[in-house]
Amino acid sequence: MGISGAIQALLTPNMGRYGFPHYLFFQFFISHGSIIIAAVYMSVVEGYRPYPRSFARVAIICIFYTLCVGFVNAMIGSNYLFIARKPETASALDLFPPWPWYIPVMVVGIAVSMLLLYLPFAWQDWKIQRLARQQVS
């Protein structure tokens, strides 16, 4: 889930007045880029991978996290995860319906993105099962 959000953030950054060379510019790109690097590292180097049962666990964690972030947004007037309103700068959310209707669309987009990111692992599992069936025959 983190990869899909981080890619969206990197492609359409909401930097406002904090452009290059402001330190928030570097912080934004380093933190969002690190999410992608960490996930790829954990898969490629450490051998972690998603399984079909991972989707339910991730969904529950994301819902809880989003509720917590929504509470923080309400308390301090922020807009983390863009659940309080669309960003002021151009983003993929401009293609979605107005608030709050774009939030379910975002959820569907995240689910599709997670499934697409899972495809290489599913393909690998399919190939292993096919090879095992051939060896049994």
N, C-alpha and C. Protein backbone atom coordinates (compact mmCIF):
# COMPACT_ATOMS: atom_id res chain seq x y z
N MET A 1 0.82 -1.18 0.00
CA MET A 1 0.00 0.00 0.00
C MET A 1 0.87 1.25 0.00
N GLY A 2 1.97 1.19 0.71
CA GLY A 2 2.85 2.34 0.78
C GLY A 2 3.45 2.71 -0.56
N ILE A 3 3.76 1.72 -1.38
CA ILE A 3 4.37 2.00 -2.67
C ILE A 3 3.43 2.80 -3.55
N SER A 4 2.17 2.41 -3.61
CA SER A 4 1.24 3.11 -4.50
C SER A 4 1.04 4.56 -4.07
N GLY A 5 0.92 4.80 -2.78
CA GLY A 5 0.79 6.18 -2.30
C GLY A 5 2.05 7.00 -2.52
N ALA A 6 3.20 6.38 -2.29
CA ALA A 6 4.46 7.09 -2.46
C ALA A 6 4.72 7.43 -3.93
N ILE A 7 4.35 6.54 -4.83
CA ILE A 7 4.53 6.83 -6.26
C ILE A 7 3.66 8.01 -6.66
N GLN A 8 2.40 8.01 -6.20
CA GLN A 8 1.50 9.13 -6.49
C GLN A 8 2.09 10.44 -5.94
N ALA A 9 2.62 10.39 -4.73
CA ALA A 9 3.20 11.59 -4.12
C ALA A 9 4.40 12.09 -4.91
N LEU A 10 5.25 11.18 -5.36
CA LEU A 10 6.44 11.59 -6.10
C LEU A 10 6.09 12.11 -7.50
N LEU A 11 5.05 11.56 -8.11
CA LEU A 11 4.67 12.01 -9.45
C LEU A 11 3.96 13.36 -9.42
N THR A 12 3.18 13.62 -8.37
CA THR A 12 2.45 14.88 -8.26
C THR A 12 2.66 15.47 -6.86
N PRO A 13 3.85 15.97 -6.59
CA PRO A 13 4.14 16.49 -5.24
C PRO A 13 3.31 17.73 -4.91
N ASN A 14 2.87 17.80 -3.68
CA ASN A 14 2.11 18.94 -3.18
C ASN A 14 3.06 19.77 -2.31
N MET A 15 3.96 20.49 -2.94
CA MET A 15 5.00 21.20 -2.21
C MET A 15 4.60 22.64 -1.87
N GLY A 16 3.61 23.17 -2.55
CA GLY A 16 3.21 24.55 -2.25
C GLY A 16 4.36 25.51 -2.47
N ARG A 17 4.62 26.31 -1.46
CA ARG A 17 5.68 27.32 -1.58
C ARG A 17 7.06 26.79 -1.21
N TYR A 18 7.14 25.51 -0.85
CA TYR A 18 8.41 24.95 -0.40
C TYR A 18 9.11 24.19 -1.52
N GLY A 19 9.52 24.88 -2.53
CA GLY A 19 10.22 24.25 -3.64
C GLY A 19 11.71 24.15 -3.39
N PHE A 20 12.42 23.71 -4.39
CA PHE A 20 13.87 23.60 -4.34
C PHE A 20 14.46 24.97 -4.08
N PRO A 21 15.38 25.16 -3.19
CA PRO A 21 16.17 24.24 -2.38
C PRO A 21 15.73 24.19 -0.92
N HIS A 22 14.48 24.45 -0.62
CA HIS A 22 14.00 24.41 0.77
C HIS A 22 14.20 23.01 1.34
N TYR A 23 14.48 22.92 2.64
CA TYR A 23 14.74 21.61 3.24
C TYR A 23 13.50 20.71 3.19
N LEU A 24 12.28 21.27 3.21
CA LEU A 24 11.07 20.46 3.11
C LEU A 24 10.96 19.78 1.75
N PHE A 25 11.53 20.40 0.72
CA PHE A 25 11.58 19.79 -0.61
C PHE A 25 12.37 18.48 -0.53
N PHE A 26 13.54 18.54 0.09
CA PHE A 26 14.38 17.35 0.21
C PHE A 26 13.75 16.32 1.14
N GLN A 27 13.16 16.78 2.23
CA GLN A 27 12.52 15.89 3.18
C GLN A 27 11.38 15.13 2.51
N PHE A 28 10.60 15.82 1.70
CA PHE A 28 9.46 15.20 1.02
C PHE A 28 9.94 14.08 0.09
N PHE A 29 10.90 14.38 -0.77
CA PHE A 29 11.34 13.39 -1.74
C PHE A 29 12.13 12.25 -1.10
N ILE A 30 12.90 12.56 -0.09
CA ILE A 30 13.65 11.50 0.60
C ILE A 30 12.70 10.57 1.35
N SER A 31 11.73 11.13 2.06
CA SER A 31 10.83 10.28 2.84
C SER A 31 9.93 9.43 1.94
N HIS A 32 9.37 10.01 0.90
CA HIS A 32 8.51 9.22 0.02
C HIS A 32 9.31 8.23 -0.82
N GLY A 33 10.48 8.63 -1.27
CA GLY A 33 11.34 7.70 -1.99
C GLY A 33 11.81 6.55 -1.11
N SER A 34 12.03 6.83 0.16
CA SER A 34 12.47 5.79 1.09
C SER A 34 11.40 4.73 1.32
N ILE A 35 10.15 5.11 1.23
CA ILE A 35 9.07 4.12 1.36
C ILE A 35 9.20 3.08 0.26
N ILE A 36 9.42 3.54 -0.96
CA ILE A 36 9.55 2.62 -2.09
C ILE A 36 10.82 1.79 -1.96
N ILE A 37 11.93 2.44 -1.63
CA ILE A 37 13.20 1.72 -1.49
C ILE A 37 13.10 0.67 -0.40
N ALA A 38 12.49 1.00 0.73
CA ALA A 38 12.37 0.05 1.83
C ALA A 38 11.53 -1.16 1.43
N ALA A 39 10.42 -0.93 0.74
CA ALA A 39 9.56 -2.04 0.34
C ALA A 39 10.26 -2.94 -0.67
N VAL A 40 10.94 -2.35 -1.63
CA VAL A 40 11.67 -3.14 -2.62
C VAL A 40 12.82 -3.90 -1.96
N TYR A 41 13.53 -3.24 -1.07
CA TYR A 41 14.63 -3.89 -0.34
C TYR A 41 14.12 -5.09 0.45
N MET A 42 13.04 -4.89 1.18
CA MET A 42 12.51 -5.98 2.00
C MET A 42 12.07 -7.16 1.15
N SER A 43 11.59 -6.91 -0.06
CA SER A 43 11.18 -8.00 -0.94
C SER A 43 12.38 -8.67 -1.60
N VAL A 44 13.26 -7.86 -2.18
CA VAL A 44 14.35 -8.41 -2.98
C VAL A 44 15.48 -8.97 -2.10
N VAL A 45 15.89 -8.22 -1.09
CA VAL A 45 17.05 -8.62 -0.30
C VAL A 45 16.65 -9.51 0.88
N GLU A 46 15.64 -9.10 1.63
CA GLU A 46 15.28 -9.82 2.85
C GLU A 46 14.31 -10.98 2.60
N GLY A 47 13.72 -11.03 1.41
CA GLY A 47 12.86 -12.15 1.07
C GLY A 47 11.42 -12.05 1.56
N TYR A 48 11.03 -10.90 2.10
CA TYR A 48 9.64 -10.71 2.50
C TYR A 48 8.78 -10.57 1.25
N ARG A 49 7.55 -11.01 1.35
CA ARG A 49 6.67 -10.93 0.21
C ARG A 49 5.23 -10.95 0.68
N PRO A 50 4.34 -10.42 -0.15
CA PRO A 50 2.92 -10.47 0.21
C PRO A 50 2.32 -11.83 -0.14
N TYR A 51 1.30 -12.18 0.60
CA TYR A 51 0.51 -13.38 0.33
C TYR A 51 -0.95 -12.94 0.20
N PRO A 52 -1.79 -13.77 -0.40
CA PRO A 52 -3.20 -13.37 -0.52
C PRO A 52 -3.84 -12.98 0.82
N ARG A 53 -3.47 -13.68 1.89
CA ARG A 53 -4.04 -13.35 3.20
C ARG A 53 -3.52 -12.02 3.74
N SER A 54 -2.46 -11.48 3.15
CA SER A 54 -1.91 -10.20 3.59
C SER A 54 -2.87 -9.04 3.31
N PHE A 55 -3.71 -9.18 2.29
CA PHE A 55 -4.57 -8.07 1.89
C PHE A 55 -5.55 -7.68 2.99
N ALA A 56 -6.14 -8.65 3.65
CA ALA A 56 -7.09 -8.34 4.73
C ALA A 56 -6.37 -7.64 5.88
N ARG A 57 -5.21 -8.13 6.25
CA ARG A 57 -4.44 -7.53 7.35
C ARG A 57 -4.06 -6.10 7.01
N VAL A 58 -3.59 -5.88 5.79
CA VAL A 58 -3.21 -4.53 5.36
C VAL A 58 -4.43 -3.61 5.33
N ALA A 59 -5.56 -4.12 4.87
CA ALA A 59 -6.78 -3.31 4.83
C ALA A 59 -7.19 -2.86 6.23
N ILE A 60 -7.16 -3.77 7.19
CA ILE A 60 -7.53 -3.42 8.56
C ILE A 60 -6.58 -2.39 9.14
N ILE A 61 -5.29 -2.60 8.94
CA ILE A 61 -4.30 -1.65 9.45
C ILE A 61 -4.48 -0.29 8.79
N CYS A 62 -4.73 -0.27 7.49
CA CYS A 62 -4.89 1.00 6.77
C CYS A 62 -6.14 1.75 7.23
N ILE A 63 -7.22 1.03 7.47
CA ILE A 63 -8.44 1.69 7.96
C ILE A 63 -8.19 2.31 9.33
N PHE A 64 -7.55 1.56 10.21
CA PHE A 64 -7.24 2.09 11.54
C PHE A 64 -6.31 3.31 11.44
N TYR A 65 -5.29 3.20 10.61
CA TYR A 65 -4.34 4.31 10.42
C TYR A 65 -5.05 5.54 9.86
N THR A 66 -5.91 5.33 8.88
CA THR A 66 -6.64 6.44 8.27
C THR A 66 -7.57 7.12 9.29
N LEU A 67 -8.22 6.34 10.12
CA LEU A 67 -9.07 6.92 11.16
C LEU A 67 -8.24 7.77 12.13
N CYS A 68 -7.07 7.26 12.52
CA CYS A 68 -6.18 8.02 13.41
C CYS A 68 -5.72 9.32 12.73
N VAL A 69 -5.34 9.23 11.47
CA VAL A 69 -4.90 10.41 10.73
C VAL A 69 -6.06 11.39 10.58
N GLY A 70 -7.26 10.89 10.33
CA GLY A 70 -8.43 11.76 10.23
C GLY A 70 -8.67 12.52 11.53
N PHE A 71 -8.47 11.85 12.66
CA PHE A 71 -8.60 12.51 13.96
C PHE A 71 -7.55 13.60 14.12
N VAL A 72 -6.31 13.30 13.76
CA VAL A 72 -5.24 14.30 13.82
C VAL A 72 -5.56 15.47 12.90
N ASN A 73 -6.00 15.18 11.68
CA ASN A 73 -6.37 16.25 10.75
C ASN A 73 -7.43 17.17 11.35
N ALA A 74 -8.44 16.58 11.98
CA ALA A 74 -9.51 17.38 12.58
C ALA A 74 -8.99 18.22 13.74
N MET A 75 -8.05 17.68 14.49
CA MET A 75 -7.54 18.39 15.66
C MET A 75 -6.62 19.55 15.29
N ILE A 76 -5.78 19.37 14.28
CA ILE A 76 -4.79 20.42 13.99
C ILE A 76 -5.02 21.10 12.64
N GLY A 77 -6.09 20.73 11.94
CA GLY A 77 -6.39 21.38 10.67
C GLY A 77 -5.49 20.98 9.52
N SER A 78 -4.89 19.82 9.62
CA SER A 78 -3.99 19.35 8.56
C SER A 78 -4.78 18.54 7.53
N ASN A 79 -4.06 18.02 6.55
CA ASN A 79 -4.70 17.25 5.49
C ASN A 79 -3.84 16.06 5.09
N TYR A 80 -3.32 15.35 6.09
CA TYR A 80 -2.52 14.17 5.80
C TYR A 80 -3.38 13.14 5.09
N LEU A 81 -2.80 12.42 4.17
CA LEU A 81 -3.45 11.42 3.32
C LEU A 81 -4.51 12.02 2.41
N PHE A 82 -4.64 13.33 2.41
CA PHE A 82 -5.63 14.05 1.60
C PHE A 82 -7.04 13.53 1.85
N ILE A 83 -7.35 13.22 3.10
CA ILE A 83 -8.70 12.75 3.41
C ILE A 83 -9.60 13.90 3.89
N ALA A 84 -9.04 15.06 4.17
CA ALA A 84 -9.86 16.21 4.58
C ALA A 84 -10.30 17.04 3.38
N ARG A 85 -9.50 17.05 2.34
CA ARG A 85 -9.80 17.80 1.12
C ARG A 85 -8.75 17.43 0.08
N LYS A 86 -9.04 17.79 -1.17
CA LYS A 86 -8.06 17.56 -2.24
C LYS A 86 -6.91 18.54 -2.07
N PRO A 87 -5.73 18.16 -2.58
CA PRO A 87 -4.59 19.08 -2.49
C PRO A 87 -4.80 20.31 -3.37
N GLU A 88 -4.13 21.40 -3.01
CA GLU A 88 -4.25 22.64 -3.78
C GLU A 88 -3.56 22.53 -5.14
N THR A 89 -2.51 21.74 -5.20
CA THR A 89 -1.78 21.57 -6.45
C THR A 89 -2.39 20.44 -7.27
N ALA A 90 -2.03 20.38 -8.54
CA ALA A 90 -2.57 19.35 -9.44
C ALA A 90 -2.13 17.96 -8.98
N SER A 91 -3.06 17.02 -9.04
CA SER A 91 -2.76 15.63 -8.69
C SER A 91 -3.76 14.72 -9.39
N ALA A 92 -3.56 13.42 -9.24
CA ALA A 92 -4.49 12.46 -9.82
C ALA A 92 -5.87 12.59 -9.18
N LEU A 93 -5.94 13.15 -7.98
CA LEU A 93 -7.23 13.33 -7.32
C LEU A 93 -8.13 14.32 -8.07
N ASP A 94 -7.55 15.14 -8.92
CA ASP A 94 -8.36 16.06 -9.73
C ASP A 94 -9.30 15.31 -10.67
N LEU A 95 -8.96 14.07 -11.00
CA LEU A 95 -9.79 13.26 -11.88
C LEU A 95 -10.96 12.62 -11.13
N PHE A 96 -10.94 12.68 -9.82
CA PHE A 96 -11.93 12.02 -8.99
C PHE A 96 -13.06 12.98 -8.64
N PRO A 97 -14.19 12.45 -8.15
CA PRO A 97 -15.30 13.31 -7.73
C PRO A 97 -14.91 14.19 -6.54
N PRO A 98 -15.76 15.16 -6.16
CA PRO A 98 -15.44 16.04 -5.04
C PRO A 98 -15.45 15.30 -3.69
N TRP A 99 -14.90 15.99 -2.67
CA TRP A 99 -14.89 15.43 -1.32
C TRP A 99 -16.32 15.27 -0.86
N PRO A 100 -16.68 14.26 -0.14
CA PRO A 100 -15.91 13.11 0.35
C PRO A 100 -15.95 11.91 -0.60
N TRP A 101 -16.57 12.11 -1.78
CA TRP A 101 -16.80 10.98 -2.69
C TRP A 101 -15.52 10.46 -3.33
N TYR A 102 -14.45 11.24 -3.31
CA TYR A 102 -13.22 10.72 -3.90
C TYR A 102 -12.53 9.72 -2.97
N ILE A 103 -12.88 9.70 -1.70
CA ILE A 103 -12.23 8.78 -0.76
C ILE A 103 -12.52 7.32 -1.11
N PRO A 104 -13.78 6.92 -1.37
CA PRO A 104 -13.99 5.53 -1.80
C PRO A 104 -13.29 5.20 -3.12
N VAL A 105 -13.21 6.18 -4.01
CA VAL A 105 -12.50 5.96 -5.27
C VAL A 105 -11.01 5.73 -4.99
N MET A 106 -10.46 6.49 -4.04
CA MET A 106 -9.06 6.27 -3.65
C MET A 106 -8.86 4.87 -3.08
N VAL A 107 -9.80 4.40 -2.29
CA VAL A 107 -9.71 3.06 -1.70
C VAL A 107 -9.68 2.00 -2.81
N VAL A 108 -10.55 2.15 -3.79
CA VAL A 108 -10.57 1.21 -4.92
C VAL A 108 -9.24 1.29 -5.68
N GLY A 109 -8.75 2.51 -5.90
CA GLY A 109 -7.47 2.67 -6.60
C GLY A 109 -6.32 2.02 -5.85
N ILE A 110 -6.32 2.16 -4.54
CA ILE A 110 -5.27 1.53 -3.73
C ILE A 110 -5.38 0.02 -3.82
N ALA A 111 -6.61 -0.51 -3.76
CA ALA A 111 -6.79 -1.96 -3.87
C ALA A 111 -6.30 -2.48 -5.21
N VAL A 112 -6.63 -1.78 -6.28
CA VAL A 112 -6.16 -2.18 -7.62
C VAL A 112 -4.64 -2.11 -7.69
N SER A 113 -4.08 -1.05 -7.15
CA SER A 113 -2.62 -0.90 -7.14
C SER A 113 -1.95 -2.03 -6.37
N MET A 114 -2.52 -2.38 -5.22
CA MET A 114 -1.95 -3.48 -4.43
C MET A 114 -2.01 -4.80 -5.21
N LEU A 115 -3.11 -5.03 -5.90
CA LEU A 115 -3.22 -6.25 -6.70
C LEU A 115 -2.22 -6.27 -7.84
N LEU A 116 -2.02 -5.13 -8.48
CA LEU A 116 -1.03 -5.05 -9.56
C LEU A 116 0.38 -5.30 -9.03
N LEU A 117 0.68 -4.76 -7.86
CA LEU A 117 2.00 -4.98 -7.27
C LEU A 117 2.17 -6.42 -6.80
N TYR A 118 1.07 -7.10 -6.54
CA TYR A 118 1.13 -8.51 -6.13
C TYR A 118 1.31 -9.45 -7.32
N LEU A 119 0.97 -9.01 -8.53
CA LEU A 119 1.02 -9.88 -9.70
C LEU A 119 2.35 -10.61 -9.90
N PRO A 120 3.51 -9.97 -9.76
CA PRO A 120 4.76 -10.73 -9.93
C PRO A 120 4.88 -11.90 -8.95
N PHE A 121 4.41 -11.72 -7.72
CA PHE A 121 4.46 -12.79 -6.74
C PHE A 121 3.47 -13.89 -7.09
N ALA A 122 2.29 -13.50 -7.55
CA ALA A 122 1.29 -14.49 -7.97
C ALA A 122 1.81 -15.28 -9.17
N TRP A 123 2.44 -14.60 -10.09
CA TRP A 123 3.01 -15.27 -11.28
C TRP A 123 4.08 -16.27 -10.86
N GLN A 124 4.93 -15.87 -9.93
CA GLN A 124 5.98 -16.76 -9.43
C GLN A 124 5.36 -17.98 -8.75
N ASP A 125 4.34 -17.78 -7.92
CA ASP A 125 3.66 -18.90 -7.26
C ASP A 125 3.04 -19.84 -8.28
N TRP A 126 2.42 -19.27 -9.32
CA TRP A 126 1.79 -20.08 -10.35
C TRP A 126 2.83 -20.94 -11.07
N LYS A 127 3.98 -20.33 -11.39
CA LYS A 127 5.04 -21.08 -12.09
C LYS A 127 5.57 -22.21 -11.21
N ILE A 128 5.73 -21.96 -9.92
CA ILE A 128 6.23 -22.99 -9.01
C ILE A 128 5.23 -24.13 -8.90
N GLN A 129 3.94 -23.80 -8.78
CA GLN A 129 2.91 -24.84 -8.69
C GLN A 129 2.83 -25.64 -9.99
N ARG A 130 2.96 -24.99 -11.12
CA ARG A 130 2.93 -25.67 -12.42
C ARG A 130 4.11 -26.63 -12.55
N LEU A 131 5.29 -26.17 -12.13
CA LEU A 131 6.48 -27.02 -12.19
C LEU A 131 6.33 -28.21 -11.26
N ALA A 132 5.77 -27.99 -10.09
CA ALA A 132 5.56 -29.10 -9.14
C ALA A 132 4.58 -30.12 -9.71
N ARG A 133 3.53 -29.66 -10.37
CA ARG A 133 2.57 -30.58 -10.98
C ARG A 133 3.22 -31.39 -12.11
N GLN A 134 4.09 -30.75 -12.87
CA GLN A 134 4.77 -31.44 -13.97
C GLN A 134 5.72 -32.51 -13.42
N GLN A 135 6.37 -32.22 -12.30
CA GLN A 135 7.30 -33.20 -11.73
C GLN A 135 6.57 -34.40 -11.14
N VAL A 136 5.35 -34.18 -10.66
CA VAL A 136 4.55 -35.27 -10.11
C VAL A 136 4.04 -36.18 -11.20
N SER A 137 3.73 -35.60 -12.36
CA SER A 137 3.15 -36.38 -13.47
C SER A 137 4.12 -37.34 -14.09
